[in-house]
Amino acid sequence: MEESAFNALAEAELVRIEAALEACGAELDIETMPGGVLEIEFENGSKMVINRHSAAREIWVAAKAGGFHFRHDAGRWIATRDGAELYALLSQLVSQQSGAPTEVKAG
């Protein structure tokens, strides 16, 4: 996939991620940064960063539990390490960091 096509795909996904996080019910603040970066701060002060990584053609998630890389495959973003789906993993990570069960649903 060419870089421009990846960037458009990743930017659209970051918009969906932001909307899903805003709708999930967890106490968090989201700041959209230049260059395709979402910075999420939880009520307890912990942070999560989600960004596109153009060179690797991946979306990266940095959370308290660690770092995760996702590649686009057949319309879904799949973790390169264990095959987890992006929104399923985001649900786990947001639940862990917010301290409350949370479901992050793709819009």
PDB file of N, CA and C in Angstrom:
ATOM      1  N   MET A   1       0.844  -1.171   0.000  1.00  0.00           N
ATOM      2  CA  MET A   1       0.000   0.000   0.000  1.00  0.00           C
ATOM      3  C   MET A   1       0.893   1.240   0.000  1.00  0.00           C
ATOM      4  N   GLU A   2       0.567   2.177  -0.857  1.00  0.00           N
ATOM      5  CA  GLU A   2       1.345   3.409  -0.908  1.00  0.00           C
ATOM      6  C   GLU A   2       1.110   4.239   0.349  1.00  0.00           C
ATOM      7  N   GLU A   3       2.094   5.070   0.679  1.00  0.00           N
ATOM      8  CA  GLU A   3       2.032   5.856   1.906  1.00  0.00           C
ATOM      9  C   GLU A   3       0.806   6.763   1.946  1.00  0.00           C
ATOM     10  N   SER A   4       0.484   7.411   0.849  1.00  0.00           N
ATOM     11  CA  SER A   4      -0.669   8.324   0.850  1.00  0.00           C
ATOM     12  C   SER A   4      -1.968   7.560   1.088  1.00  0.00           C
ATOM     13  N   ALA A   5      -2.103   6.383   0.516  1.00  0.00           N
ATOM     14  CA  ALA A   5      -3.300   5.561   0.734  1.00  0.00           C
ATOM     15  C   ALA A   5      -3.359   5.100   2.185  1.00  0.00           C
ATOM     16  N   PHE A   6      -2.215   4.684   2.734  1.00  0.00           N
ATOM     17  CA  PHE A   6      -2.184   4.274   4.138  1.00  0.00           C
ATOM     18  C   PHE A   6      -2.565   5.438   5.044  1.00  0.00           C
ATOM     19  N   ASN A   7      -1.993   6.614   4.806  1.00  0.00           N
ATOM     20  CA  ASN A   7      -2.281   7.768   5.662  1.00  0.00           C
ATOM     21  C   ASN A   7      -3.767   8.110   5.661  1.00  0.00           C
ATOM     22  N   ALA A   8      -4.406   8.050   4.494  1.00  0.00           N
ATOM     23  CA  ALA A   8      -5.845   8.327   4.413  1.00  0.00           C
ATOM     24  C   ALA A   8      -6.635   7.267   5.189  1.00  0.00           C
ATOM     25  N   LEU A   9      -6.267   6.002   5.032  1.00  0.00           N
ATOM     26  CA  LEU A   9      -6.931   4.913   5.737  1.00  0.00           C
ATOM     27  C   LEU A   9      -6.741   5.037   7.245  1.00  0.00           C
ATOM     28  N   ALA A  10      -5.521   5.319   7.668  1.00  0.00           N
ATOM     29  CA  ALA A  10      -5.219   5.437   9.091  1.00  0.00           C
ATOM     30  C   ALA A  10      -5.898   6.653   9.710  1.00  0.00           C
ATOM     31  N   GLU A  11      -5.915   7.775   9.012  1.00  0.00           N
ATOM     32  CA  GLU A  11      -6.578   8.974   9.534  1.00  0.00           C
ATOM     33  C   GLU A  11      -8.064   8.723   9.733  1.00  0.00           C
ATOM     34  N   ALA A  12      -8.693   8.057   8.781  1.00  0.00           N
ATOM     35  CA  ALA A  12     -10.117   7.733   8.921  1.00  0.00           C
ATOM     36  C   ALA A  12     -10.340   6.824  10.126  1.00  0.00           C
ATOM     37  N   GLU A  13      -9.429   5.879  10.338  1.00  0.00           N
ATOM     38  CA  GLU A  13      -9.566   4.977  11.485  1.00  0.00           C
ATOM     39  C   GLU A  13      -9.352   5.717  12.798  1.00  0.00           C
ATOM     40  N   LEU A  14      -8.409   6.648  12.829  1.00  0.00           N
ATOM     41  CA  LEU A  14      -8.184   7.430  14.048  1.00  0.00           C
ATOM     42  C   LEU A  14      -9.421   8.252  14.408  1.00  0.00           C
ATOM     43  N   VAL A  15     -10.129   8.757  13.418  1.00  0.00           N
ATOM     44  CA  VAL A  15     -11.381   9.489  13.664  1.00  0.00           C
ATOM     45  C   VAL A  15     -12.410   8.538  14.278  1.00  0.00           C
ATOM     46  N   ARG A  16     -12.504   7.303  13.741  1.00  0.00           N
ATOM     47  CA  ARG A  16     -13.432   6.310  14.295  1.00  0.00           C
ATOM     48  C   ARG A  16     -13.042   5.921  15.719  1.00  0.00           C
ATOM     49  N   ILE A  17     -11.741   5.763  15.959  1.00  0.00           N
ATOM     50  CA  ILE A  17     -11.262   5.421  17.298  1.00  0.00           C
ATOM     51  C   ILE A  17     -11.635   6.522  18.287  1.00  0.00           C
ATOM     52  N   GLU A  18     -11.405   7.770  17.902  1.00  0.00           N
ATOM     53  CA  GLU A  18     -11.732   8.888  18.782  1.00  0.00           C
ATOM     54  C   GLU A  18     -13.223   8.885  19.121  1.00  0.00           C
ATOM     55  N   ALA A  19     -14.078   8.691  18.119  1.00  0.00           N
ATOM     56  CA  ALA A  19     -15.519   8.661  18.353  1.00  0.00           C
ATOM     57  C   ALA A  19     -15.898   7.486  19.263  1.00  0.00           C
ATOM     58  N   ALA A  20     -15.271   6.337  19.051  1.00  0.00           N
ATOM     59  CA  ALA A  20     -15.561   5.157  19.874  1.00  0.00           C
ATOM     60  C   ALA A  20     -15.132   5.383  21.321  1.00  0.00           C
ATOM     61  N   LEU A  21     -13.991   6.022  21.516  1.00  0.00           N
ATOM     62  CA  LEU A  21     -13.527   6.308  22.875  1.00  0.00           C
ATOM     63  C   LEU A  21     -14.451   7.308  23.566  1.00  0.00           C
ATOM     64  N   GLU A  22     -14.883   8.326  22.834  1.00  0.00           N
ATOM     65  CA  GLU A  22     -15.788   9.317  23.414  1.00  0.00           C
ATOM     66  C   GLU A  22     -17.119   8.689  23.809  1.00  0.00           C
ATOM     67  N   ALA A  23     -17.545   7.656  23.097  1.00  0.00           N
ATOM     68  CA  ALA A  23     -18.833   7.020  23.350  1.00  0.00           C
ATOM     69  C   ALA A  23     -18.759   5.862  24.333  1.00  0.00           C
ATOM     70  N   CYS A  24     -17.579   5.466  24.760  1.00  0.00           N
ATOM     71  CA  CYS A  24     -17.435   4.241  25.563  1.00  0.00           C
ATOM     72  C   CYS A  24     -17.851   4.401  27.021  1.00  0.00           C
ATOM     73  N   GLY A  25     -17.993   5.628  27.499  1.00  0.00           N
ATOM     74  CA  GLY A  25     -18.445   5.847  28.866  1.00  0.00           C
ATOM     75  C   GLY A  25     -17.344   5.970  29.902  1.00  0.00           C
ATOM     76  N   ALA A  26     -16.101   5.714  29.524  1.00  0.00           N
ATOM     77  CA  ALA A  26     -14.986   5.849  30.468  1.00  0.00           C
ATOM     78  C   ALA A  26     -14.685   7.327  30.692  1.00  0.00           C
ATOM     79  N   GLU A  27     -14.176   7.636  31.885  1.00  0.00           N
ATOM     80  CA  GLU A  27     -13.774   9.006  32.201  1.00  0.00           C
ATOM     81  C   GLU A  27     -12.400   9.253  31.594  1.00  0.00           C
ATOM     82  N   LEU A  28     -12.371   9.953  30.460  1.00  0.00           N
ATOM     83  CA  LEU A  28     -11.109  10.219  29.780  1.00  0.00           C
ATOM     84  C   LEU A  28     -11.210  11.494  28.959  1.00  0.00           C
ATOM     85  N   ASP A  29     -10.060  12.066  28.676  1.00  0.00           N
ATOM     86  CA  ASP A  29      -9.955  13.235  27.811  1.00  0.00           C
ATOM     87  C   ASP A  29      -9.090  12.851  26.627  1.00  0.00           C
ATOM     88  N   ILE A  30      -9.500  13.285  25.437  1.00  0.00           N
ATOM     89  CA  ILE A  30      -8.773  12.966  24.218  1.00  0.00           C
ATOM     90  C   ILE A  30      -8.276  14.254  23.596  1.00  0.00           C
ATOM     91  N   GLU A  31      -7.005  14.257  23.249  1.00  0.00           N
ATOM     92  CA  GLU A  31      -6.423  15.389  22.535  1.00  0.00           C
ATOM     93  C   GLU A  31      -5.883  14.883  21.207  1.00  0.00           C
ATOM     94  N   THR A  32      -6.324  15.526  20.134  1.00  0.00           N
ATOM     95  CA  THR A  32      -5.838  15.183  18.799  1.00  0.00           C
ATOM     96  C   THR A  32      -4.609  16.030  18.514  1.00  0.00           C
ATOM     97  N   MET A  33      -3.509  15.363  18.243  1.00  0.00           N
ATOM     98  CA  MET A  33      -2.242  16.039  17.999  1.00  0.00           C
ATOM     99  C   MET A  33      -1.921  15.990  16.501  1.00  0.00           C
ATOM    100  N   PRO A  34      -1.075  16.881  16.011  1.00  0.00           N
ATOM    101  CA  PRO A  34      -0.677  16.836  14.605  1.00  0.00           C
ATOM    102  C   PRO A  34       0.028  15.530  14.270  1.00  0.00           C
ATOM    103  N   GLY A  35      -0.077  15.128  13.011  1.00  0.00           N
ATOM    104  CA  GLY A  35       0.647  13.952  12.536  1.00  0.00           C
ATOM    105  C   GLY A  35      -0.038  12.635  12.824  1.00  0.00           C
ATOM    106  N   GLY A  36      -1.339  12.670  13.095  1.00  0.00           N
ATOM    107  CA  GLY A  36      -2.060  11.430  13.319  1.00  0.00           C
ATOM    108  C   GLY A  36      -1.828  10.815  14.676  1.00  0.00           C
ATOM    109  N   VAL A  37      -1.951  11.625  15.733  1.00  0.00           N
ATOM    110  CA  VAL A  37      -1.721  11.156  17.104  1.00  0.00           C
ATOM    111  C   VAL A  37      -2.921  11.502  17.973  1.00  0.00           C
ATOM    112  N   LEU A  38      -3.407  10.498  18.719  1.00  0.00           N
ATOM    113  CA  LEU A  38      -4.429  10.722  19.741  1.00  0.00           C
ATOM    114  C   LEU A  38      -3.776  10.492  21.090  1.00  0.00           C
ATOM    115  N   GLU A  39      -3.899  11.468  21.973  1.00  0.00           N
ATOM    116  CA  GLU A  39      -3.397  11.318  23.334  1.00  0.00           C
ATOM    117  C   GLU A  39      -4.604  11.252  24.259  1.00  0.00           C
ATOM    118  N   ILE A  40      -4.713  10.145  24.987  1.00  0.00           N
ATOM    119  CA  ILE A  40      -5.842   9.913  25.869  1.00  0.00           C
ATOM    120  C   ILE A  40      -5.352   9.970  27.306  1.00  0.00           C
ATOM    121  N   GLU A  41      -5.997  10.797  28.128  1.00  0.00           N
ATOM    122  CA  GLU A  41      -5.653  10.873  29.542  1.00  0.00           C
ATOM    123  C   GLU A  41      -6.849  10.425  30.357  1.00  0.00           C
ATOM    124  N   PHE A  42      -6.609   9.505  31.279  1.00  0.00           N
ATOM    125  CA  PHE A  42      -7.657   8.954  32.123  1.00  0.00           C
ATOM    126  C   PHE A  42      -7.771   9.760  33.410  1.00  0.00           C
ATOM    127  N   GLU A  43      -8.892   9.584  34.085  1.00  0.00           N
ATOM    128  CA  GLU A  43      -9.165  10.320  35.313  1.00  0.00           C
ATOM    129  C   GLU A  43      -8.065  10.106  36.359  1.00  0.00           C
ATOM    130  N   ASN A  44      -7.435   8.925  36.356  1.00  0.00           N
ATOM    131  CA  ASN A  44      -6.378   8.612  37.326  1.00  0.00           C
ATOM    132  C   ASN A  44      -5.007   9.165  36.928  1.00  0.00           C
ATOM    133  N   GLY A  45      -4.958   9.900  35.811  1.00  0.00           N
ATOM    134  CA  GLY A  45      -3.710  10.507  35.357  1.00  0.00           C
ATOM    135  C   GLY A  45      -2.896   9.664  34.390  1.00  0.00           C
ATOM    136  N   SER A  46      -3.261   8.396  34.200  1.00  0.00           N
ATOM    137  CA  SER A  46      -2.521   7.562  33.248  1.00  0.00           C
ATOM    138  C   SER A  46      -2.867   7.987  31.821  1.00  0.00           C
ATOM    139  N   LYS A  47      -1.987   7.655  30.905  1.00  0.00           N
ATOM    140  CA  LYS A  47      -2.171   8.062  29.509  1.00  0.00           C
ATOM    141  C   LYS A  47      -2.050   6.876  28.570  1.00  0.00           C
ATOM    142  N   MET A  48      -2.643   7.064  27.391  1.00  0.00           N
ATOM    143  CA  MET A  48      -2.528   6.132  26.287  1.00  0.00           C
ATOM    144  C   MET A  48      -2.310   6.983  25.042  1.00  0.00           C
ATOM    145  N   VAL A  49      -1.465   6.512  24.147  1.00  0.00           N
ATOM    146  CA  VAL A  49      -1.228   7.226  22.895  1.00  0.00           C
ATOM    147  C   VAL A  49      -1.515   6.263  21.746  1.00  0.00           C
ATOM    148  N   ILE A  50      -2.284   6.745  20.787  1.00  0.00           N
ATOM    149  CA  ILE A  50      -2.596   5.968  19.588  1.00  0.00           C
ATOM    150  C   ILE A  50      -2.159   6.808  18.404  1.00  0.00           C
ATOM    151  N   ASN A  51      -1.359   6.218  17.533  1.00  0.00           N
ATOM    152  CA  ASN A  51      -0.875   6.991  16.389  1.00  0.00           C
ATOM    153  C   ASN A  51      -0.687   6.108  15.161  1.00  0.00           C
ATOM    154  N   ARG A  52      -0.635   6.779  14.024  1.00  0.00           N
ATOM    155  CA  ARG A  52      -0.307   6.059  12.798  1.00  0.00           C
ATOM    156  C   ARG A  52       1.207   6.068  12.645  1.00  0.00           C
ATOM    157  N   HIS A  53       1.741   4.985  12.108  1.00  0.00           N
ATOM    158  CA  HIS A  53       3.168   4.900  11.831  1.00  0.00           C
ATOM    159  C   HIS A  53       3.295   4.597  10.341  1.00  0.00           C
ATOM    160  N   SER A  54       3.506   5.656   9.570  1.00  0.00           N
ATOM    161  CA  SER A  54       3.476   5.549   8.114  1.00  0.00           C
ATOM    162  C   SER A  54       4.542   4.614   7.555  1.00  0.00           C
ATOM    163  N   ALA A  55       5.748   4.680   8.091  1.00  0.00           N
ATOM    164  CA  ALA A  55       6.829   3.855   7.550  1.00  0.00           C
ATOM    165  C   ALA A  55       6.507   2.362   7.673  1.00  0.00           C
ATOM    166  N   ALA A  56       5.905   1.961   8.780  1.00  0.00           N
ATOM    167  CA  ALA A  56       5.572   0.551   9.001  1.00  0.00           C
ATOM    168  C   ALA A  56       4.175   0.208   8.475  1.00  0.00           C
ATOM    169  N   ARG A  57       3.388   1.239   8.075  1.00  0.00           N
ATOM    170  CA  ARG A  57       2.003   1.054   7.634  1.00  0.00           C
ATOM    171  C   ARG A  57       1.175   0.392   8.739  1.00  0.00           C
ATOM    172  N   GLU A  58       1.316   0.931   9.949  1.00  0.00           N
ATOM    173  CA  GLU A  58       0.643   0.380  11.118  1.00  0.00           C
ATOM    174  C   GLU A  58       0.032   1.491  11.969  1.00  0.00           C
ATOM    175  N   ILE A  59      -0.931   1.111  12.790  1.00  0.00           N
ATOM    176  CA  ILE A  59      -1.421   1.959  13.868  1.00  0.00           C
ATOM    177  C   ILE A  59      -0.803   1.406  15.137  1.00  0.00           C
ATOM    178  N   TRP A  60      -0.219   2.296  15.930  1.00  0.00           N
ATOM    179  CA  TRP A  60       0.456   1.892  17.162  1.00  0.00           C
ATOM    180  C   TRP A  60      -0.337   2.387  18.358  1.00  0.00           C
ATOM    181  N   VAL A  61      -0.385   1.558  19.393  1.00  0.00           N
ATOM    182  CA  VAL A  61      -1.035   1.904  20.652  1.00  0.00           C
ATOM    183  C   VAL A  61      -0.007   1.736  21.767  1.00  0.00           C
ATOM    184  N   ALA A  62       0.215   2.806  22.521  1.00  0.00           N
ATOM    185  CA  ALA A  62       1.091   2.754  23.698  1.00  0.00           C
ATOM    186  C   ALA A  62       0.202   2.942  24.915  1.00  0.00           C
ATOM    187  N   ALA A  63       0.149   1.919  25.755  1.00  0.00           N
ATOM    188  CA  ALA A  63      -0.701   1.929  26.937  1.00  0.00           C
ATOM    189  C   ALA A  63       0.117   1.496  28.145  1.00  0.00           C
ATOM    190  N   LYS A  64      -0.483   1.601  29.305  1.00  0.00           N
ATOM    191  CA  LYS A  64       0.180   1.182  30.530  1.00  0.00           C
ATOM    192  C   LYS A  64       0.606  -0.288  30.441  1.00  0.00           C
ATOM    193  N   ALA A  65      -0.186  -1.106  29.743  1.00  0.00           N
ATOM    194  CA  ALA A  65       0.083  -2.539  29.606  1.00  0.00           C
ATOM    195  C   ALA A  65       1.162  -2.853  28.573  1.00  0.00           C
ATOM    196  N   GLY A  66       1.591  -1.852  27.777  1.00  0.00           N
ATOM    197  CA  GLY A  66       2.635  -2.095  26.781  1.00  0.00           C
ATOM    198  C   GLY A  66       2.326  -1.448  25.448  1.00  0.00           C
ATOM    199  N   GLY A  67       3.118  -1.821  24.455  1.00  0.00           N
ATOM    200  CA  GLY A  67       2.967  -1.277  23.111  1.00  0.00           C
ATOM    201  C   GLY A  67       2.399  -2.329  22.174  1.00  0.00           C
ATOM    202  N   PHE A  68       1.532  -1.897  21.255  1.00  0.00           N
ATOM    203  CA  PHE A  68       0.854  -2.799  20.344  1.00  0.00           C
ATOM    204  C   PHE A  68       0.853  -2.197  18.947  1.00  0.00           C
ATOM    205  N   HIS A  69       1.063  -3.039  17.941  1.00  0.00           N
ATOM    206  CA  HIS A  69       1.107  -2.603  16.544  1.00  0.00           C
ATOM    207  C   HIS A  69       0.010  -3.326  15.777  1.00  0.00           C
ATOM    208  N   PHE A  70      -0.718  -2.571  14.928  1.00  0.00           N
ATOM    209  CA  PHE A  70      -1.835  -3.130  14.174  1.00  0.00           C
ATOM    210  C   PHE A  70      -1.657  -2.863  12.684  1.00  0.00           C
ATOM    211  N   ARG A  71      -1.873  -3.896  11.878  1.00  0.00           N
ATOM    212  CA  ARG A  71      -1.832  -3.773  10.417  1.00  0.00           C
ATOM    213  C   ARG A  71      -3.239  -3.963   9.867  1.00  0.00           C
ATOM    214  N   HIS A  72      -3.520  -3.248   8.791  1.00  0.00           N
ATOM    215  CA  HIS A  72      -4.819  -3.362   8.140  1.00  0.00           C
ATOM    216  C   HIS A  72      -4.850  -4.653   7.327  1.00  0.00           C
ATOM    217  N   ASP A  73      -5.894  -5.449   7.550  1.00  0.00           N
ATOM    218  CA  ASP A  73      -6.017  -6.731   6.861  1.00  0.00           C
ATOM    219  C   ASP A  73      -7.501  -7.027   6.637  1.00  0.00           C
ATOM    220  N   ALA A  74      -7.902  -7.058   5.388  1.00  0.00           N
ATOM    221  CA  ALA A  74      -9.280  -7.409   5.015  1.00  0.00           C
ATOM    222  C   ALA A  74     -10.315  -6.564   5.763  1.00  0.00           C
ATOM    223  N   GLY A  75     -10.062  -5.265   5.850  1.00  0.00           N
ATOM    224  CA  GLY A  75     -11.024  -4.345   6.451  1.00  0.00           C
ATOM    225  C   GLY A  75     -10.951  -4.215   7.961  1.00  0.00           C
ATOM    226  N   ARG A  76      -9.995  -4.892   8.597  1.00  0.00           N
ATOM    227  CA  ARG A  76      -9.850  -4.812  10.055  1.00  0.00           C
ATOM    228  C   ARG A  76      -8.399  -4.509  10.395  1.00  0.00           C
ATOM    229  N   TRP A  77      -8.193  -3.963  11.583  1.00  0.00           N
ATOM    230  CA  TRP A  77      -6.837  -3.698  12.082  1.00  0.00           C
ATOM    231  C   TRP A  77      -6.504  -4.820  13.067  1.00  0.00           C
ATOM    232  N   ILE A  78      -5.449  -5.584  12.733  1.00  0.00           N
ATOM    233  CA  ILE A  78      -5.094  -6.793  13.471  1.00  0.00           C
ATOM    234  C   ILE A  78      -3.703  -6.618  14.097  1.00  0.00           C
ATOM    235  N   ALA A  79      -3.571  -7.023  15.373  1.00  0.00           N
ATOM    236  CA  ALA A  79      -2.289  -6.920  16.083  1.00  0.00           C
ATOM    237  C   ALA A  79      -1.262  -7.843  15.437  1.00  0.00           C
ATOM    238  N   THR A  80      -0.081  -7.306  15.231  1.00  0.00           N
ATOM    239  CA  THR A  80       0.981  -8.084  14.590  1.00  0.00           C
ATOM    240  C   THR A  80       1.524  -9.169  15.503  1.00  0.00           C
ATOM    241  N   ARG A  81       1.391  -9.001  16.793  1.00  0.00           N
ATOM    242  CA  ARG A  81       1.960  -9.949  17.751  1.00  0.00           C
ATOM    243  C   ARG A  81       1.074 -11.181  17.948  1.00  0.00           C
ATOM    244  N   ASP A  82      -0.233 -10.941  18.169  1.00  0.00           N
ATOM    245  CA  ASP A  82      -1.090 -12.074  18.541  1.00  0.00           C
ATOM    246  C   ASP A  82      -2.385 -12.175  17.751  1.00  0.00           C
ATOM    247  N   GLY A  83      -2.589 -11.317  16.758  1.00  0.00           N
ATOM    248  CA  GLY A  83      -3.786 -11.392  15.925  1.00  0.00           C
ATOM    249  C   GLY A  83      -5.038 -10.798  16.543  1.00  0.00           C
ATOM    250  N   ALA A  84      -4.893 -10.087  17.683  1.00  0.00           N
ATOM    251  CA  ALA A  84      -6.051  -9.455  18.329  1.00  0.00           C
ATOM    252  C   ALA A  84      -6.600  -8.341  17.438  1.00  0.00           C
ATOM    253  N   GLU A  85      -7.898  -8.135  17.501  1.00  0.00           N
ATOM    254  CA  GLU A  85      -8.546  -7.073  16.748  1.00  0.00           C
ATOM    255  C   GLU A  85      -8.425  -5.775  17.536  1.00  0.00           C
ATOM    256  N   LEU A  86      -8.221  -4.661  16.838  1.00  0.00           N
ATOM    257  CA  LEU A  86      -7.954  -3.366  17.451  1.00  0.00           C
ATOM    258  C   LEU A  86      -8.976  -2.989  18.527  1.00  0.00           C
ATOM    259  N   TYR A  87     -10.264  -3.024  18.210  1.00  0.00           N
ATOM    260  CA  TYR A  87     -11.266  -2.545  19.153  1.00  0.00           C
ATOM    261  C   TYR A  87     -11.424  -3.485  20.344  1.00  0.00           C
ATOM    262  N   ALA A  88     -11.227  -4.780  20.140  1.00  0.00           N
ATOM    263  CA  ALA A  88     -11.270  -5.716  21.265  1.00  0.00           C
ATOM    264  C   ALA A  88     -10.133  -5.413  22.233  1.00  0.00           C
ATOM    265  N   LEU A  89      -8.953  -5.158  21.695  1.00  0.00           N
ATOM    266  CA  LEU A  89      -7.820  -4.838  22.559  1.00  0.00           C
ATOM    267  C   LEU A  89      -7.995  -3.475  23.214  1.00  0.00           C
ATOM    268  N   LEU A  90      -8.517  -2.496  22.477  1.00  0.00           N
ATOM    269  CA  LEU A  90      -8.772  -1.187  23.081  1.00  0.00           C
ATOM    270  C   LEU A  90      -9.749  -1.315  24.250  1.00  0.00           C
ATOM    271  N   SER A  91     -10.754  -2.173  24.117  1.00  0.00           N
ATOM    272  CA  SER A  91     -11.697  -2.390  25.220  1.00  0.00           C
ATOM    273  C   SER A  91     -10.958  -2.888  26.461  1.00  0.00           C
ATOM    274  N   GLN A  92     -10.054  -3.841  26.284  1.00  0.00           N
ATOM    275  CA  GLN A  92      -9.281  -4.373  27.409  1.00  0.00           C
ATOM    276  C   GLN A  92      -8.393  -3.298  28.020  1.00  0.00           C
ATOM    277  N   LEU A  93      -7.684  -2.568  27.164  1.00  0.00           N
ATOM    278  CA  LEU A  93      -6.743  -1.566  27.650  1.00  0.00           C
ATOM    279  C   LEU A  93      -7.449  -0.418  28.365  1.00  0.00           C
ATOM    280  N   VAL A  94      -8.554   0.065  27.799  1.00  0.00           N
ATOM    281  CA  VAL A  94      -9.304   1.156  28.435  1.00  0.00           C
ATOM    282  C   VAL A  94      -9.892   0.674  29.755  1.00  0.00           C
ATOM    283  N   SER A  95     -10.369  -0.560  29.795  1.00  0.00           N
ATOM    284  CA  SER A  95     -10.889  -1.120  31.049  1.00  0.00           C
ATOM    285  C   SER A  95      -9.805  -1.151  32.114  1.00  0.00           C
ATOM    286  N   GLN A  96      -8.613  -1.602  31.730  1.00  0.00           N
ATOM    287  CA  GLN A  96      -7.501  -1.674  32.679  1.00  0.00           C
ATOM    288  C   GLN A  96      -7.117  -0.293  33.195  1.00  0.00           C
ATOM    289  N   GLN A  97      -6.993   0.663  32.288  1.00  0.00           N
ATOM    290  CA  GLN A  97      -6.516   1.986  32.700  1.00  0.00           C
ATOM    291  C   GLN A  97      -7.570   2.825  33.384  1.00  0.00           C
ATOM    292  N   SER A  98      -8.826   2.604  33.046  1.00  0.00           N
ATOM    293  CA  SER A  98      -9.886   3.400  33.680  1.00  0.00           C
ATOM    294  C   SER A  98     -10.341   2.766  34.985  1.00  0.00           C
ATOM    295  N   GLY A  99     -10.085   1.471  35.143  1.00  0.00           N
ATOM    296  CA  GLY A  99     -10.509   0.780  36.359  1.00  0.00           C
ATOM    297  C   GLY A  99     -11.960   0.339  36.336  1.00  0.00           C
ATOM    298  N   ALA A 100     -12.618   0.439  35.184  1.00  0.00           N
ATOM    299  CA  ALA A 100     -14.027   0.027  35.051  1.00  0.00           C
ATOM    300  C   ALA A 100     -14.198  -0.741  33.755  1.00  0.00           C
ATOM    301  N   PRO A 101     -15.035  -1.784  33.761  1.00  0.00           N
ATOM    302  CA  PRO A 101     -15.285  -2.530  32.521  1.00  0.00           C
ATOM    303  C   PRO A 101     -15.809  -1.583  31.437  1.00  0.00           C
ATOM    304  N   THR A 102     -15.185  -1.628  30.282  1.00  0.00           N
ATOM    305  CA  THR A 102     -15.517  -0.709  29.205  1.00  0.00           C
ATOM    306  C   THR A 102     -15.474  -1.440  27.889  1.00  0.00           C
ATOM    307  N   GLU A 103     -16.420  -1.124  27.011  1.00  0.00           N
ATOM    308  CA  GLU A 103     -16.400  -1.678  25.661  1.00  0.00           C
ATOM    309  C   GLU A 103     -16.210  -0.531  24.677  1.00  0.00           C
ATOM    310  N   VAL A 104     -15.165  -0.638  23.880  1.00  0.00           N
ATOM    311  CA  VAL A 104     -14.884   0.345  22.842  1.00  0.00           C
ATOM    312  C   VAL A 104     -15.352  -0.292  21.535  1.00  0.00           C
ATOM    313  N   LYS A 105     -16.410   0.280  20.958  1.00  0.00           N
ATOM    314  CA  LYS A 105     -17.037  -0.306  19.756  1.00  0.00           C
ATOM    315  C   LYS A 105     -16.680   0.504  18.524  1.00  0.00           C
ATOM    316  N   ALA A 106     -16.336  -0.222  17.464  1.00  0.00           N
ATOM    317  CA  ALA A 106     -16.077   0.435  16.177  1.00  0.00           C
ATOM    318  C   ALA A 106     -17.364   1.075  15.672  1.00  0.00           C
ATOM    319  N   GLY A 107     -17.239   2.293  15.164  1.00  0.00           N
ATOM    320  CA  GLY A 107     -18.419   3.009  14.695  1.00  0.00           C
ATOM    321  C   GLY A 107     -18.774   2.761  13.282  1.00  0.00           C
TER     322      GLY A 107
END
